[in-house]
Amino acid sequence: MSSIGRASVLIGAGTIVSRVSGLLRGIVLVAAIGTIGGAGDAFAVANQLPNNIYAIISTGLLTAVVVPQIVKAAAHADGGQAFISKLFTLGTVGLIAAAVLASIAAPLLVRVYASEFTADQLALSTAFAYWCLPQIFFYGLYALLGEILNARRVFGPYTWAPIVNNVVSVAGFGAFIVLFGPQTQVGTWTPTMVAILAGTATLGIVVQAAVLMFFWRRAGLALRPDFRWKGVGLRHIGRLAGWTFLMVVAGQLAGIVQSNVLSGASGEDPAMFASQNAWLLFMLPYSIIVLSIGTPYFTQLSEHATAGRDDEVRADISRSIRTLGFFIVASTAALAVAAVPASRIFTQTRQEAEAVAPVLLCFLVCLIPLAVLFVVQRTFYAYNDTRTPFFFTLLQCVLVVAGALLAGAVLDRGDLAAGVALTQSVASTVQVIVATVLLHRRLGGIGTASWLLTLAKFGVAALPAGAAGWGVWVLLGAEAGWTLSSPLAGALGAAIIGSIVLAVYIGILALFRTPELEPALALGRRFLPQR
C-alpha cells in the first residue's frame, strides 16, 4: 500500500473514532444545556470565540505557510531542526499574547458576536468566555505541533488527540448533569455551574495539546526554545501570512454578521447552538473523508510543487478530487435523506429535530464544492501563493454577508438559521467555481472537464441511492417513527438509512464498471480489522 494510502487510513480511522466520540460529547452537552434556548446559545458564542482565533492560526497561517516552509527546511543539513525550533518558539510567544489579550477583551468580543442578546444572556456568555478564551493558546499549540508532525509525515497523533479531549468533555459534562441537572434557562446559572461546564471544555483542549508532546521522537525532532528569530525567514513568512491573515479576518467579519443575525432568533427558535450542531453533522463526512485523504495528498503535492513538477501536481489534483468525490457524493446523499434523524442526535425532542433539519440540508448544498475547494485552495498554498486565495475568499465573504443580511431582513425567526446556512452554501459554491478557473489558468489546465464528468457520474448514481434511503426512512415511520424517540435512536436510524444509500450507490457504480470504484473500495477495506 502506498504511503498516501497508509496515511489516509491512519488519519481516517482516527477521525472516525474522534467524530464518533465527538457525537457522544455533543449529545451529553445538549442534554446539559439544550439546543434551542438562551443558555445553549450563550455557551455557543463563548466557546466559539477561541475556535475563531484557532481558525486564523490553523487555516490562515499553518496550513498555508508552515507546512510548505517545513518541507523546504527538511533539505537543510540539520533536517530543519533549527528552523522548527525557532518557529515553535515564535508561535508559542504569539499564542500566549493572543490568549491574554482576548481574555481581557472578553466582554467586548461577546457583544460583537451577539448584539441581539438580552443583558442577562450577555452576562452569562461573558462569564463562559472568561473560562473558554484560554483555549486559544492550547488550540494554537495543538495546531502548531500537529502541522509540524504532519509535515514530517507523522500523521496519526494530530488526528487521534481529539479523542482524549472528547473523553474529558463527556466526563465533565456528565458530572455537570449529575450535580445540577439540565440547565437551559439563562437565569438559573451560578458561578460554580459556569466554572464546571466551561472549565471542562477548556480542560479537554489542554489535554488534547499535551498528548502531541509524546510523539516528537517519532518525528526525529529535538525542539528547544530559540529566541534568535533572525534567519527564520520572518519577512518571507510574514508576506505569505499577510494575505492569509487578511483572508481569515474577512471570514471572521462575515461570521460576525451571521452570528448577529442569528442572535435575533435566540431563545425559542434555532439559532447559534443549533447552527453549530448542524455544522458539526455537516462536517462529519468532510472530516472523515476530505481531511483523511486530502491531508497526505497536500504534503505530497507540496513536495511536487516545490520541485517544480507541475505535471505531477496536475495528476495529484485530479486523483485526489476523484477519490474524494467518490465518497463525498455518497455521503451528501445519505446525510440529506437522513437529515431529520441525524438532527435528532443534537436535539431534545422530535419537534426540535424537525426544526433543525432544514439547517443541515442547507449546509449540505456546498459539501461537494467544499471538497473540491480543499484541493484547489491548497494547491495555491503549495506554490506559496496566498494572494489569490485571499481574493476568491473575499468574494465568498462578501456574498455571505449580503446573504445573511438579506435573510435577516426577509425571513421569520424560525427560518433564519436555515436561510443563513443556504446563503453560505451558495457563496461557497461561487467561490469554488472562481478558484477552479483561476487555478486552471495558472497551471495551464487541471483536467477540470474530466473530473467534473466523474463527479457527475457519481451524482447520477447517488439519485436512486438517495431514493432507496428515503424509502427506508418512510418504512421506519418517518417523523412519527422510533428514529426520533431519542438521540441514540436518531443516530441508529441515520446509520441504517446511510448504509442503504451507500450499498445502492456502490451497486450502481459496480454495475456500470466505474473505474474509480475499485481503488476507492481498496482504500475503504484498509479501515476494516485484518484477520
Protein backbone atom coordinates (compact mmCIF):
# COMPACT_ATOMS: atom_id res chain seq x y z
CA MET A 1 0.00 0.00 0.00
CA SER A 2 1.30 3.50 -0.85
CA SER A 3 2.40 5.95 1.81
CA ILE A 4 -0.58 8.14 0.83
CA GLY A 5 -2.91 5.20 1.36
CA ARG A 6 -1.40 4.26 4.72
CA ALA A 7 -1.52 7.85 5.92
CA SER A 8 -5.11 8.26 4.72
CA VAL A 9 -6.17 5.13 6.57
CA LEU A 10 -4.41 6.20 9.76
CA ILE A 11 -5.93 9.68 9.64
CA GLY A 12 -9.31 8.36 8.56
CA ALA A 13 -9.51 5.76 11.33
CA GLY A 14 -8.55 8.34 13.93
CA THR A 15 -11.03 10.81 12.50
CA ILE A 16 -13.86 8.26 12.62
CA VAL A 17 -13.18 7.44 16.28
CA SER A 18 -12.74 11.14 17.04
CA ARG A 19 -16.00 12.11 15.35
CA VAL A 20 -17.99 9.29 16.94
CA SER A 21 -16.70 10.28 20.37
CA GLY A 22 -17.41 13.89 19.39
CA LEU A 23 -21.02 12.95 18.66
CA LEU A 24 -21.26 11.46 22.15
CA ARG A 25 -19.74 14.67 23.55
CA GLY A 26 -22.36 16.69 21.70
CA ILE A 27 -25.20 14.51 22.93
CA VAL A 28 -24.11 14.97 26.56
CA LEU A 29 -23.64 18.73 26.10
CA VAL A 30 -27.12 19.09 24.56
CA ALA A 31 -28.53 17.11 27.50
CA ALA A 32 -26.87 19.63 29.82
CA ILE A 33 -27.82 22.93 28.19
CA GLY A 34 -30.33 22.17 25.39
CA THR A 35 -30.12 23.05 21.68
CA ILE A 36 -32.77 25.75 21.32
CA GLY A 37 -32.66 28.21 24.22
CA GLY A 38 -30.83 31.12 25.80
CA ALA A 39 -28.23 29.18 27.81
CA GLY A 40 -27.18 27.00 24.88
CA ASP A 41 -26.68 29.99 22.61
CA ALA A 42 -24.76 31.86 25.34
CA PHE A 43 -22.32 28.97 25.70
CA ALA A 44 -22.14 28.51 21.92
CA VAL A 45 -20.95 32.09 21.41
CA ALA A 46 -18.38 31.94 24.22
CA ASN A 47 -16.97 28.56 23.25
CA GLN A 48 -16.80 29.58 19.58
CA LEU A 49 -14.57 32.59 20.29
CA PRO A 50 -11.34 30.57 20.79
CA ASN A 51 -12.28 28.45 17.77
CA ASN A 52 -12.40 31.59 15.66
CA ILE A 53 -8.86 32.51 16.70
CA TYR A 54 -7.81 28.90 16.09
CA ALA A 55 -9.20 29.22 12.55
CA ILE A 56 -6.90 32.18 11.97
CA ILE A 57 -3.91 30.22 13.27
CA SER A 58 -4.66 26.90 11.57
CA THR A 59 -6.25 27.83 8.25
CA GLY A 60 -4.78 31.27 7.96
CA LEU A 61 -1.17 30.58 8.89
CA LEU A 62 -0.19 26.96 9.49
CA THR A 63 -1.77 25.18 6.54
CA ALA A 64 -0.93 27.93 4.08
CA VAL A 65 2.58 28.76 5.28
CA VAL A 66 4.14 26.44 7.83
CA VAL A 67 3.81 23.08 6.05
CA PRO A 68 5.42 24.24 2.77
CA GLN A 69 8.16 26.04 4.72
CA ILE A 70 8.94 22.96 6.84
CA VAL A 71 9.05 20.82 3.71
CA LYS A 72 11.66 23.20 2.32
CA ALA A 73 13.59 23.29 5.60
CA ALA A 74 13.83 19.49 5.58
CA ALA A 75 16.52 19.88 2.92
CA HIS A 76 18.79 21.74 5.35
CA ALA A 77 21.82 19.98 6.79
CA ASP A 78 20.14 19.56 10.20
CA GLY A 79 16.88 18.30 8.70
CA GLY A 80 15.11 21.51 9.62
CA GLN A 81 15.70 21.25 13.41
CA ALA A 82 16.88 24.83 13.89
CA PHE A 83 14.14 26.31 11.74
CA ILE A 84 11.38 24.36 13.51
CA SER A 85 12.73 25.31 16.98
CA LYS A 86 12.71 28.99 16.06
CA LEU A 87 9.26 28.70 14.53
CA PHE A 88 7.88 26.83 17.53
CA THR A 89 9.25 29.41 19.97
CA LEU A 90 7.90 32.30 17.94
CA GLY A 91 4.49 30.63 17.67
CA THR A 92 4.29 29.93 21.41
CA VAL A 93 5.03 33.55 22.30
CA GLY A 94 2.41 34.78 19.86
CA LEU A 95 -0.20 32.37 21.18
CA ILE A 96 0.32 33.45 24.78
CA ALA A 97 -0.07 37.10 23.80
CA ALA A 98 -3.23 36.35 21.79
CA ALA A 99 -4.84 34.40 24.65
CA VAL A 100 -4.13 37.12 27.21
CA LEU A 101 -5.41 39.97 25.03
CA ALA A 102 -8.54 38.06 24.06
CA SER A 103 -9.35 37.22 27.68
CA ILE A 104 -9.06 40.88 28.66
CA ALA A 105 -11.42 41.79 25.82
CA ALA A 106 -13.98 39.05 26.63
CA PRO A 107 -16.98 41.38 27.28
CA LEU A 108 -16.37 43.28 24.05
CA LEU A 109 -15.91 40.10 22.00
CA VAL A 110 -19.18 38.61 23.23
CA ARG A 111 -21.08 41.79 22.45
CA VAL A 112 -19.53 41.95 18.98
CA TYR A 113 -20.77 38.44 18.14
CA ALA A 114 -24.19 38.63 19.82
CA SER A 115 -25.54 42.16 19.76
CA GLU A 116 -29.16 40.96 19.97
CA PHE A 117 -28.68 39.04 23.24
CA THR A 118 -30.53 40.23 26.34
CA ALA A 119 -28.47 41.76 29.16
CA ASP A 120 -28.65 38.55 31.22
CA GLN A 121 -27.66 36.43 28.24
CA LEU A 122 -24.68 38.72 27.52
CA ALA A 123 -23.56 38.43 31.15
CA LEU A 124 -23.78 34.62 31.09
CA SER A 125 -21.96 34.38 27.77
CA THR A 126 -19.19 36.67 29.07
CA ALA A 127 -18.78 34.50 32.17
CA PHE A 128 -18.42 31.46 29.92
CA ALA A 129 -15.93 33.37 27.73
CA TYR A 130 -13.52 34.07 30.58
CA TRP A 131 -13.19 30.31 31.07
CA CYS A 132 -13.11 29.45 27.37
CA LEU A 133 -10.75 32.03 25.87
CA PRO A 134 -7.55 30.47 27.32
CA GLN A 135 -8.28 27.68 24.85
CA ILE A 136 -6.72 29.95 22.23
CA PHE A 137 -3.22 29.09 23.45
CA PHE A 138 -3.88 25.34 23.60
CA TYR A 139 -5.77 25.21 20.30
CA GLY A 140 -2.89 27.05 18.65
CA LEU A 141 -0.28 24.87 20.33
CA TYR A 142 -2.13 21.76 19.17
CA ALA A 143 -2.34 23.12 15.62
CA LEU A 144 1.33 24.13 15.56
CA LEU A 145 2.55 20.80 16.92
CA GLY A 146 0.21 18.85 14.68
CA GLU A 147 1.12 20.62 11.46
CA ILE A 148 4.81 20.16 12.20
CA LEU A 149 4.23 16.43 12.74
CA ASN A 150 2.18 16.25 9.52
CA ALA A 151 4.93 17.98 7.58
CA ARG A 152 7.35 15.34 8.93
CA ARG A 153 4.90 12.63 7.73
CA VAL A 154 3.84 11.65 11.25
CA PHE A 155 0.11 11.89 10.53
CA GLY A 156 -1.62 9.88 13.24
CA PRO A 157 -1.26 11.83 16.53
CA TYR A 158 -2.81 15.04 15.17
CA THR A 159 -5.95 13.09 14.29
CA TRP A 160 -6.16 10.86 17.36
CA ALA A 161 -5.50 13.50 20.05
CA PRO A 162 -9.04 15.00 19.93
CA ILE A 163 -10.39 11.67 21.19
CA VAL A 164 -8.82 12.40 24.58
CA ASN A 165 -10.48 15.81 24.54
CA ASN A 166 -13.86 14.18 23.91
CA VAL A 167 -13.37 11.71 26.76
CA VAL A 168 -12.55 14.53 29.18
CA SER A 169 -15.54 16.56 27.95
CA VAL A 170 -18.02 13.69 28.23
CA ALA A 171 -16.88 13.04 31.82
CA GLY A 172 -17.09 16.72 32.77
CA PHE A 173 -20.42 17.44 31.10
CA GLY A 174 -21.82 14.22 32.59
CA ALA A 175 -20.70 15.34 36.04
CA PHE A 176 -22.44 18.67 35.44
CA ILE A 177 -25.73 16.88 34.70
CA VAL A 178 -25.37 14.69 37.80
CA LEU A 179 -24.66 17.70 40.02
CA PHE A 180 -27.09 20.27 38.63
CA GLY A 181 -29.37 18.60 36.09
CA PRO A 182 -30.20 20.18 32.69
CA GLN A 183 -29.87 23.99 32.73
CA THR A 184 -31.44 25.59 29.65
CA GLN A 185 -32.60 28.90 31.18
CA VAL A 186 -30.26 31.88 31.48
CA GLY A 187 -31.35 32.95 34.95
CA THR A 188 -30.56 29.68 36.77
CA TRP A 189 -26.77 29.68 36.36
CA THR A 190 -24.32 30.08 39.26
CA PRO A 191 -20.54 30.74 39.10
CA THR A 192 -19.91 27.09 40.05
CA MET A 193 -22.04 25.86 37.16
CA VAL A 194 -20.23 28.16 34.75
CA ALA A 195 -16.82 27.00 36.02
CA ILE A 196 -17.60 23.29 35.70
CA LEU A 197 -19.14 23.47 32.22
CA ALA A 198 -16.76 25.95 30.57
CA GLY A 199 -13.76 24.72 32.59
CA THR A 200 -14.40 21.21 31.30
CA ALA A 201 -14.43 22.48 27.71
CA THR A 202 -11.05 24.16 28.25
CA LEU A 203 -9.50 21.22 30.12
CA GLY A 204 -10.26 18.97 27.16
CA ILE A 205 -8.30 21.25 24.82
CA VAL A 206 -5.38 21.39 27.28
CA VAL A 207 -5.12 17.60 27.36
CA GLN A 208 -5.52 17.40 23.58
CA ALA A 209 -2.48 19.62 23.04
CA ALA A 210 -0.40 17.88 25.72
CA VAL A 211 -0.86 14.48 24.05
CA LEU A 212 1.10 15.58 20.97
CA MET A 213 4.21 16.25 23.03
CA PHE A 214 4.73 12.48 23.42
CA PHE A 215 5.33 11.95 19.69
CA TRP A 216 8.32 14.17 18.98
CA ARG A 217 10.85 11.32 18.90
CA ARG A 218 8.90 9.64 16.11
CA ALA A 219 9.29 12.83 14.10
CA GLY A 220 13.04 12.86 14.75
CA LEU A 221 12.82 16.26 16.39
CA ALA A 222 14.58 17.69 19.42
CA LEU A 223 12.98 21.08 19.96
CA ARG A 224 14.44 23.68 22.30
CA PRO A 225 13.49 27.32 22.96
CA ASP A 226 15.21 29.59 20.44
CA PHE A 227 14.52 33.32 20.56
CA ARG A 228 17.04 34.13 17.85
CA TRP A 229 14.44 34.62 15.17
CA LYS A 230 16.82 36.16 12.69
CA GLY A 231 17.21 33.78 9.78
CA VAL A 232 13.85 32.09 10.25
CA GLY A 233 12.53 33.94 7.21
CA LEU A 234 10.07 36.13 9.09
CA ARG A 235 9.86 38.62 6.26
CA HIS A 236 9.07 35.89 3.74
CA ILE A 237 6.63 34.12 6.09
CA GLY A 238 5.06 37.45 7.00
CA ARG A 239 4.48 38.27 3.34
CA LEU A 240 2.81 34.91 2.78
CA ALA A 241 0.86 35.01 6.03
CA GLY A 242 -0.25 38.60 5.43
CA TRP A 243 -2.65 37.55 2.69
CA THR A 244 -3.95 34.56 4.63
CA PHE A 245 -4.39 36.74 7.70
CA LEU A 246 -6.49 39.18 5.70
CA MET A 247 -8.40 36.27 4.19
CA VAL A 248 -9.34 34.79 7.55
CA VAL A 249 -10.11 38.21 9.02
CA ALA A 250 -12.57 38.67 6.16
CA GLY A 251 -14.08 35.30 7.03
CA GLN A 252 -14.38 36.27 10.69
CA LEU A 253 -16.08 39.54 9.79
CA ALA A 254 -18.58 37.57 7.73
CA GLY A 255 -19.04 35.21 10.68
CA ILE A 256 -19.74 38.16 12.98
CA VAL A 257 -22.54 39.33 10.69
CA GLN A 258 -24.00 35.80 10.59
CA SER A 259 -23.78 35.45 14.37
CA ASN A 260 -25.52 38.76 14.98
CA VAL A 261 -28.31 37.89 12.57
CA LEU A 262 -28.77 34.53 14.32
CA SER A 263 -28.72 36.14 17.77
CA GLY A 264 -32.06 37.72 16.88
CA ALA A 265 -33.63 34.22 16.83
CA SER A 266 -32.11 33.06 20.13
CA GLY A 267 -34.49 31.79 22.75
CA GLU A 268 -37.31 29.90 21.07
CA ASP A 269 -36.02 29.15 17.57
CA PRO A 270 -32.90 27.55 16.03
CA ALA A 271 -30.02 30.00 16.40
CA MET A 272 -26.27 29.78 17.17
CA PHE A 273 -26.07 26.48 19.02
CA ALA A 274 -28.48 24.74 16.63
CA SER A 275 -26.45 26.01 13.66
CA GLN A 276 -23.19 24.86 15.25
CA ASN A 277 -24.62 21.38 15.82
CA ALA A 278 -25.94 21.20 12.25
CA TRP A 279 -22.49 22.26 11.07
CA LEU A 280 -20.94 19.52 13.22
CA LEU A 281 -23.09 16.93 11.42
CA PHE A 282 -22.22 18.51 8.09
CA MET A 283 -18.52 18.33 8.93
CA LEU A 284 -18.67 14.65 9.87
CA PRO A 285 -18.21 13.31 6.30
CA TYR A 286 -15.96 16.25 5.44
CA SER A 287 -13.60 15.48 8.31
CA ILE A 288 -13.57 11.72 7.83
CA ILE A 289 -13.23 11.79 4.06
CA VAL A 290 -11.73 15.07 2.92
CA LEU A 291 -9.20 15.59 5.72
CA SER A 292 -8.11 11.94 5.98
CA ILE A 293 -7.48 11.58 2.25
CA GLY A 294 -6.61 15.16 1.43
CA THR A 295 -4.04 15.88 4.16
CA PRO A 296 -1.45 13.33 2.96
CA TYR A 297 -2.07 14.46 -0.63
CA PHE A 298 -1.31 18.04 0.40
CA THR A 299 2.08 17.05 1.79
CA GLN A 300 2.90 15.15 -1.41
CA LEU A 301 1.52 17.94 -3.58
CA SER A 302 3.69 20.47 -1.72
CA GLU A 303 6.77 18.35 -2.42
CA HIS A 304 5.94 18.15 -6.13
CA ALA A 305 5.21 21.89 -6.33
CA THR A 306 8.44 22.75 -4.50
CA ALA A 307 10.38 20.60 -7.00
CA GLY A 308 8.63 22.30 -9.94
CA ARG A 309 7.00 19.07 -11.15
CA ASP A 310 3.78 20.65 -12.41
CA ASP A 311 2.65 17.56 -14.31
CA GLU A 312 2.69 15.56 -11.09
CA VAL A 313 0.79 18.35 -9.33
CA ARG A 314 -1.93 18.16 -12.01
CA ALA A 315 -2.11 14.41 -11.51
CA ASP A 316 -2.36 14.89 -7.73
CA ILE A 317 -5.25 17.32 -8.18
CA SER A 318 -7.24 15.07 -10.49
CA ARG A 319 -6.59 11.90 -8.49
CA SER A 320 -7.49 13.47 -5.14
CA ILE A 321 -10.71 15.10 -6.41
CA ARG A 322 -11.87 11.83 -7.98
CA THR A 323 -11.12 9.87 -4.81
CA LEU A 324 -12.73 12.45 -2.56
CA GLY A 325 -15.71 12.72 -4.90
CA PHE A 326 -16.49 9.01 -4.76
CA PHE A 327 -17.04 9.15 -1.01
CA ILE A 328 -18.35 12.69 -0.59
CA VAL A 329 -21.16 12.39 -3.15
CA ALA A 330 -22.49 9.27 -1.42
CA SER A 331 -22.19 10.99 1.97
CA THR A 332 -24.14 14.00 0.73
CA ALA A 333 -27.00 11.81 -0.48
CA ALA A 334 -27.05 9.74 2.72
CA LEU A 335 -26.98 12.69 5.10
CA ALA A 336 -29.61 14.60 3.09
CA VAL A 337 -32.07 11.70 3.26
CA ALA A 338 -31.32 11.10 6.95
CA ALA A 339 -31.35 14.80 7.88
CA VAL A 340 -34.18 14.56 10.42
CA PRO A 341 -32.97 11.52 12.41
CA ALA A 342 -29.41 12.86 12.23
CA SER A 343 -30.59 16.18 13.64
CA ARG A 344 -32.28 14.30 16.49
CA ILE A 345 -28.78 13.42 17.76
CA PHE A 346 -28.31 17.01 18.92
CA THR A 347 -31.86 17.93 19.90
CA GLN A 348 -34.15 17.09 22.80
CA THR A 349 -37.48 16.50 21.04
CA ARG A 350 -38.94 15.37 17.71
CA GLN A 351 -40.14 18.90 17.06
CA GLU A 352 -36.66 20.35 17.58
CA ALA A 353 -35.17 17.77 15.19
CA GLU A 354 -37.67 18.76 12.50
CA ALA A 355 -36.87 22.44 13.11
CA VAL A 356 -33.08 21.95 12.85
CA ALA A 357 -33.05 19.51 9.89
CA PRO A 358 -33.54 22.29 7.26
CA VAL A 359 -30.38 23.98 8.57
CA LEU A 360 -28.41 20.79 7.91
CA LEU A 361 -29.94 20.40 4.46
CA CYS A 362 -28.98 23.95 3.53
CA PHE A 363 -25.38 23.37 4.64
CA LEU A 364 -25.23 20.16 2.56
CA VAL A 365 -25.67 22.17 -0.64
CA CYS A 366 -21.96 23.01 -0.53
CA LEU A 367 -20.46 19.73 0.75
CA ILE A 368 -19.25 18.55 -2.67
CA PRO A 369 -17.96 22.02 -3.69
CA LEU A 370 -16.02 22.33 -0.42
CA ALA A 371 -14.30 19.00 -1.08
CA VAL A 372 -13.10 20.41 -4.41
CA LEU A 373 -12.08 23.68 -2.74
CA PHE A 374 -9.90 21.76 -0.26
CA VAL A 375 -7.75 20.53 -3.13
CA VAL A 376 -7.80 23.71 -5.22
CA GLN A 377 -7.02 26.11 -2.38
CA ARG A 378 -4.17 24.01 -1.02
CA THR A 379 -2.63 23.78 -4.46
CA PHE A 380 -2.24 27.56 -4.42
CA TYR A 381 -0.67 27.25 -0.95
CA ALA A 382 1.76 24.63 -2.23
CA TYR A 383 3.06 27.21 -4.71
CA ASN A 384 3.39 29.77 -1.89
CA ASP A 385 0.53 31.75 -3.42
CA THR A 386 -1.67 33.07 -0.63
CA ARG A 387 -2.65 36.20 -2.52
CA THR A 388 -5.01 34.53 -5.00
CA PRO A 389 -6.94 32.57 -2.33
CA PHE A 390 -7.47 35.86 -0.49
CA PHE A 391 -9.36 37.36 -3.42
CA PHE A 392 -11.64 34.43 -4.15
CA THR A 393 -12.30 34.03 -0.42
CA LEU A 394 -13.04 37.76 -0.14
CA LEU A 395 -15.68 37.30 -2.83
CA GLN A 396 -17.21 34.48 -0.79
CA CYS A 397 -17.23 36.62 2.36
CA VAL A 398 -18.98 39.48 0.60
CA LEU A 399 -21.66 37.08 -0.64
CA VAL A 400 -22.01 35.56 2.85
CA VAL A 401 -22.54 38.97 4.43
CA ALA A 402 -25.06 40.02 1.78
CA GLY A 403 -26.90 36.73 2.13
CA ALA A 404 -27.05 36.88 5.92
CA LEU A 405 -28.33 40.44 5.91
CA LEU A 406 -30.92 39.53 3.29
CA ALA A 407 -32.04 36.52 5.36
CA GLY A 408 -32.32 38.72 8.44
CA ALA A 409 -34.44 41.23 6.55
CA VAL A 410 -36.94 38.91 4.84
CA LEU A 411 -37.18 35.68 6.87
CA ASP A 412 -39.11 34.88 10.02
CA ARG A 413 -37.21 33.95 13.20
CA GLY A 414 -37.87 30.25 12.72
CA ASP A 415 -36.31 30.25 9.23
CA LEU A 416 -33.30 32.44 9.97
CA ALA A 417 -30.81 29.67 10.70
CA ALA A 418 -31.70 27.74 7.53
CA GLY A 419 -31.60 30.92 5.45
CA VAL A 420 -28.16 31.89 6.73
CA ALA A 421 -26.89 28.34 6.05
CA LEU A 422 -28.25 28.38 2.49
CA THR A 423 -26.72 31.73 1.61
CA GLN A 424 -23.38 30.49 2.95
CA SER A 425 -23.61 27.39 0.75
CA VAL A 426 -24.38 29.46 -2.34
CA ALA A 427 -21.46 31.79 -1.58
CA SER A 428 -19.09 28.86 -1.11
CA THR A 429 -20.16 27.31 -4.41
CA VAL A 430 -19.44 30.54 -6.27
CA GLN A 431 -16.06 30.68 -4.51
CA VAL A 432 -15.17 27.17 -5.73
CA ILE A 433 -16.07 27.99 -9.33
CA VAL A 434 -13.90 31.12 -9.34
CA ALA A 435 -11.00 29.36 -7.58
CA THR A 436 -11.06 26.46 -10.06
CA VAL A 437 -10.97 28.81 -13.05
CA LEU A 438 -8.00 30.71 -11.58
CA LEU A 439 -6.03 27.52 -10.85
CA HIS A 440 -6.82 26.20 -14.33
CA ARG A 441 -5.29 29.34 -15.81
CA ARG A 442 -2.25 29.20 -13.56
CA LEU A 443 -1.29 25.61 -14.33
CA GLY A 444 -2.45 25.57 -17.92
CA GLY A 445 -5.21 23.09 -17.18
CA ILE A 446 -6.04 20.80 -14.25
CA GLY A 447 -8.23 18.24 -16.04
CA THR A 448 -11.39 20.03 -14.92
CA ALA A 449 -13.69 18.58 -17.61
CA SER A 450 -12.54 15.06 -16.78
CA TRP A 451 -13.06 15.16 -13.01
CA LEU A 452 -16.30 17.13 -13.36
CA LEU A 453 -17.63 14.34 -15.58
CA THR A 454 -16.60 11.82 -12.94
CA LEU A 455 -18.41 13.80 -10.21
CA ALA A 456 -21.48 13.95 -12.46
CA LYS A 457 -21.44 10.15 -12.82
CA PHE A 458 -21.24 9.81 -9.06
CA GLY A 459 -24.17 12.22 -8.74
CA VAL A 460 -26.32 10.18 -11.15
CA ALA A 461 -25.63 7.04 -9.11
CA ALA A 462 -26.49 8.90 -5.91
CA LEU A 463 -30.03 9.79 -7.07
CA PRO A 464 -31.55 6.28 -6.98
CA ALA A 465 -29.42 5.53 -3.91
CA GLY A 466 -30.97 8.52 -2.16
CA ALA A 467 -34.44 7.41 -3.26
CA ALA A 468 -33.81 3.99 -1.70
CA GLY A 469 -32.71 5.68 1.53
CA TRP A 470 -35.87 7.78 1.54
CA GLY A 471 -37.92 4.64 1.16
CA VAL A 472 -36.23 3.17 4.23
CA TRP A 473 -36.93 6.40 6.16
CA VAL A 474 -40.63 6.07 5.31
CA LEU A 475 -40.67 2.38 6.28
CA LEU A 476 -39.12 3.29 9.63
CA GLY A 477 -42.09 5.54 10.31
CA ALA A 478 -40.65 8.88 9.11
CA GLU A 479 -41.37 11.72 11.58
CA ALA A 480 -43.66 9.51 13.66
CA GLY A 481 -41.24 6.58 13.85
CA TRP A 482 -38.88 5.29 16.52
CA THR A 483 -35.83 7.01 15.00
CA LEU A 484 -36.87 10.31 16.61
CA SER A 485 -37.53 8.85 20.05
CA SER A 486 -34.03 9.67 21.41
CA PRO A 487 -30.60 10.89 20.29
CA LEU A 488 -29.24 7.34 20.14
CA ALA A 489 -32.27 6.20 18.14
CA GLY A 490 -31.63 9.08 15.75
CA ALA A 491 -28.02 8.01 15.31
CA LEU A 492 -29.07 4.39 14.68
CA GLY A 493 -31.76 5.42 12.23
CA ALA A 494 -29.38 7.68 10.33
CA ALA A 495 -26.83 4.85 10.20
CA ILE A 496 -29.40 2.39 8.78
CA ILE A 497 -30.56 4.86 6.14
CA GLY A 498 -26.98 5.81 5.26
CA SER A 499 -25.95 2.16 4.91
CA ILE A 500 -28.75 1.52 2.40
CA VAL A 501 -27.80 4.60 0.41
CA LEU A 502 -24.15 3.54 0.31
CA ALA A 503 -24.97 -0.06 -0.68
CA VAL A 504 -27.20 1.00 -3.58
CA TYR A 505 -24.68 3.64 -4.67
CA ILE A 506 -21.82 1.14 -4.80
CA GLY A 507 -24.04 -1.42 -6.55
CA ILE A 508 -24.93 1.03 -9.32
CA LEU A 509 -21.29 2.05 -9.85
CA ALA A 510 -20.26 -1.62 -9.91
CA LEU A 511 -22.97 -2.40 -12.47
CA PHE A 512 -21.56 0.23 -14.81
CA ARG A 513 -17.94 -0.81 -14.08
CA THR A 514 -16.91 2.65 -12.88
CA PRO A 515 -13.07 2.71 -12.88
CA GLU A 516 -12.82 4.74 -9.66
CA LEU A 517 -14.75 2.11 -7.71
CA GLU A 518 -12.04 -0.48 -7.07
CA PRO A 519 -9.32 1.95 -5.82
CA ALA A 520 -11.86 3.60 -3.51
CA LEU A 521 -13.08 0.28 -2.13
CA ALA A 522 -9.49 -0.87 -1.65
CA LEU A 523 -8.88 2.23 0.45
CA GLY A 524 -12.08 1.61 2.40
CA ARG A 525 -11.15 -2.01 3.12
CA ARG A 526 -8.00 -0.81 4.87
CA PHE A 527 -10.18 0.58 7.65
CA LEU A 528 -11.54 -2.86 8.47
CA PRO A 529 -9.74 -5.05 11.01
CA GLN A 530 -7.41 -7.60 9.48
CA ARG A 531 -7.75 -11.26 10.38
